[in-house]
Structure formats: structure tokens, C-alpha cells
Amino acid sequence: MTPGNQVHTEPTGDLAVLGERLMARQPGSHAYLDWTMTMLTDFYYMRLLITVTPDEVVPRPAVPWAEYRAIRASVRG
């Protein structure tokens, strides 16, 4: 697998920060770290890896760089 296609099974990096924030905002979620609760709810946190193979790929013309920057600027506000 390439680095962008890796399956993460534990919170590391940005996910660890998210986990800490979640525990601070929802202290009751500590109960889900208990072994029994982990066995009952692992299906929720461990999703199936789904691979999609397209039937058709339609190339689009490239957007000129100046137009691209103008679009991004208008989206950002």
C-alpha cells in the first residue's frame, strides 16, 4: 500500500489530537475504552475497507492557474 492508502487501526498523529479533544468534551466516552465495551463496539470504530474500481474515467480539461487561484480565493471568502 502507498502511504496515502494505509489503513489506520489506532489513533496516531492528528487522530490522537482528535481523541484527546473527544475525551475532554465527552468524558463519558472513557467507558468505551473498557475491554468489555471495546469487544462490543469494535465494529463501530473498525470500518470495512472498501475498494472502488471505476468503469470509466473521463478526463477534464485543465483549469488555467489564474482561474484556479481566483476560484480558491472566492471559496475561502
C-alpha atoms as a PDB file:
ATOM      1  CA  MET A   1       0.000   0.000   0.000  1.00  0.00           C
ATOM      2  CA  THR A   2       1.137   3.517  -0.670  1.00  0.00           C
ATOM      3  CA  PRO A   3       1.341   5.952   2.297  1.00  0.00           C
ATOM      4  CA  GLY A   4      -1.961   7.564   1.272  1.00  0.00           C
ATOM      5  CA  ASN A   5      -3.773   4.210   1.189  1.00  0.00           C
ATOM      6  CA  GLN A   6      -2.828   2.855   4.608  1.00  0.00           C
ATOM      7  CA  VAL A   7      -5.441   1.521   7.000  1.00  0.00           C
ATOM      8  CA  HIS A   8      -5.119   3.030  10.488  1.00  0.00           C
ATOM      9  CA  THR A   9      -6.220   0.835  13.375  1.00  0.00           C
ATOM     10  CA  GLU A  10      -5.161   3.097  16.241  1.00  0.00           C
ATOM     11  CA  PRO A  11      -5.237   6.849  16.776  1.00  0.00           C
ATOM     12  CA  THR A  12      -1.881   8.377  15.835  1.00  0.00           C
ATOM     13  CA  GLY A  13      -0.904  11.809  14.598  1.00  0.00           C
ATOM     14  CA  ASP A  14      -3.921  14.045  14.046  1.00  0.00           C
ATOM     15  CA  LEU A  15      -6.244  11.248  15.189  1.00  0.00           C
ATOM     16  CA  ALA A  16      -4.596  11.284  18.626  1.00  0.00           C
ATOM     17  CA  VAL A  17      -5.333  15.008  18.951  1.00  0.00           C
ATOM     18  CA  LEU A  18      -8.924  14.331  17.928  1.00  0.00           C
ATOM     19  CA  GLY A  19      -9.178  11.562  20.535  1.00  0.00           C
ATOM     20  CA  GLU A  20      -7.884  13.832  23.278  1.00  0.00           C
ATOM     21  CA  ARG A  21     -10.377  16.529  22.291  1.00  0.00           C
ATOM     22  CA  LEU A  22     -13.195  13.984  22.231  1.00  0.00           C
ATOM     23  CA  MET A  23     -12.312  12.724  25.739  1.00  0.00           C
ATOM     24  CA  ALA A  24     -12.210  16.292  27.053  1.00  0.00           C
ATOM     25  CA  ARG A  25     -15.582  17.200  25.536  1.00  0.00           C
ATOM     26  CA  GLN A  26     -17.319  13.865  26.190  1.00  0.00           C
ATOM     27  CA  PRO A  27     -15.884  12.396  29.409  1.00  0.00           C
ATOM     28  CA  GLY A  28     -18.454   9.584  29.308  1.00  0.00           C
ATOM     29  CA  SER A  29     -16.697   8.157  26.272  1.00  0.00           C
ATOM     30  CA  HIS A  30     -13.970   6.845  28.619  1.00  0.00           C
ATOM     31  CA  ALA A  31     -16.324   3.932  29.296  1.00  0.00           C
ATOM     32  CA  TYR A  32     -15.799   2.737  25.727  1.00  0.00           C
ATOM     33  CA  LEU A  33     -12.099   2.175  26.461  1.00  0.00           C
ATOM     34  CA  ASP A  34     -13.013  -0.648  28.842  1.00  0.00           C
ATOM     35  CA  TRP A  35     -12.166  -4.106  27.437  1.00  0.00           C
ATOM     36  CA  THR A  36     -15.783  -5.299  27.528  1.00  0.00           C
ATOM     37  CA  MET A  37     -17.085  -2.228  25.750  1.00  0.00           C
ATOM     38  CA  THR A  38     -14.274  -2.496  23.203  1.00  0.00           C
ATOM     39  CA  MET A  39     -15.343  -6.043  22.364  1.00  0.00           C
ATOM     40  CA  LEU A  40     -18.955  -4.904  21.966  1.00  0.00           C
ATOM     41  CA  THR A  41     -18.284  -1.773  19.917  1.00  0.00           C
ATOM     42  CA  ASP A  42     -15.205  -2.551  17.825  1.00  0.00           C
ATOM     43  CA  PHE A  43     -17.457  -2.823  14.756  1.00  0.00           C
ATOM     44  CA  TYR A  44     -18.209   0.877  15.133  1.00  0.00           C
ATOM     45  CA  TYR A  45     -14.604   2.024  15.167  1.00  0.00           C
ATOM     46  CA  MET A  46     -13.155  -0.520  12.727  1.00  0.00           C
ATOM     47  CA  ARG A  47     -14.857   0.091   9.400  1.00  0.00           C
ATOM     48  CA  LEU A  48     -14.620  -2.178   6.401  1.00  0.00           C
ATOM     49  CA  LEU A  49     -12.075  -1.141   3.817  1.00  0.00           C
ATOM     50  CA  ILE A  50     -13.981  -0.692   0.569  1.00  0.00           C
ATOM     51  CA  THR A  51     -12.101  -0.526  -2.722  1.00  0.00           C
ATOM     52  CA  VAL A  52     -13.856   1.013  -5.719  1.00  0.00           C
ATOM     53  CA  THR A  53     -12.765   0.329  -9.290  1.00  0.00           C
ATOM     54  CA  PRO A  54     -14.258   2.801 -11.778  1.00  0.00           C
ATOM     55  CA  ASP A  55     -15.804   1.529 -15.005  1.00  0.00           C
ATOM     56  CA  GLU A  56     -14.890   4.708 -16.843  1.00  0.00           C
ATOM     57  CA  VAL A  57     -12.530   7.639 -16.379  1.00  0.00           C
ATOM     58  CA  VAL A  58     -13.470  10.889 -18.104  1.00  0.00           C
ATOM     59  CA  PRO A  59     -10.582  13.389 -18.347  1.00  0.00           C
ATOM     60  CA  ARG A  60     -11.442  17.046 -17.918  1.00  0.00           C
ATOM     61  CA  PRO A  61      -9.553  19.992 -19.430  1.00  0.00           C
ATOM     62  CA  ALA A  62      -7.107  21.660 -17.068  1.00  0.00           C
ATOM     63  CA  VAL A  63      -8.191  24.901 -15.406  1.00  0.00           C
ATOM     64  CA  PRO A  64      -5.765  27.787 -16.090  1.00  0.00           C
ATOM     65  CA  TRP A  65      -3.701  28.624 -12.992  1.00  0.00           C
ATOM     66  CA  ALA A  66      -5.040  32.208 -12.671  1.00  0.00           C
ATOM     67  CA  GLU A  67      -8.629  30.988 -12.875  1.00  0.00           C
ATOM     68  CA  TYR A  68      -7.897  28.273 -10.320  1.00  0.00           C
ATOM     69  CA  ARG A  69      -6.470  30.806  -7.860  1.00  0.00           C
ATOM     70  CA  ALA A  70      -9.470  33.115  -8.376  1.00  0.00           C
ATOM     71  CA  ILE A  71     -11.874  30.231  -7.662  1.00  0.00           C
ATOM     72  CA  ARG A  72      -9.982  29.245  -4.493  1.00  0.00           C
ATOM     73  CA  ALA A  73      -9.926  32.858  -3.284  1.00  0.00           C
ATOM     74  CA  SER A  74     -13.673  33.225  -3.778  1.00  0.00           C
ATOM     75  CA  VAL A  75     -14.377  29.965  -1.920  1.00  0.00           C
ATOM     76  CA  ARG A  76     -12.200  30.944   1.035  1.00  0.00           C
ATOM     77  CA  GLY A  77     -14.061  34.227   1.332  1.00  0.00           C
END
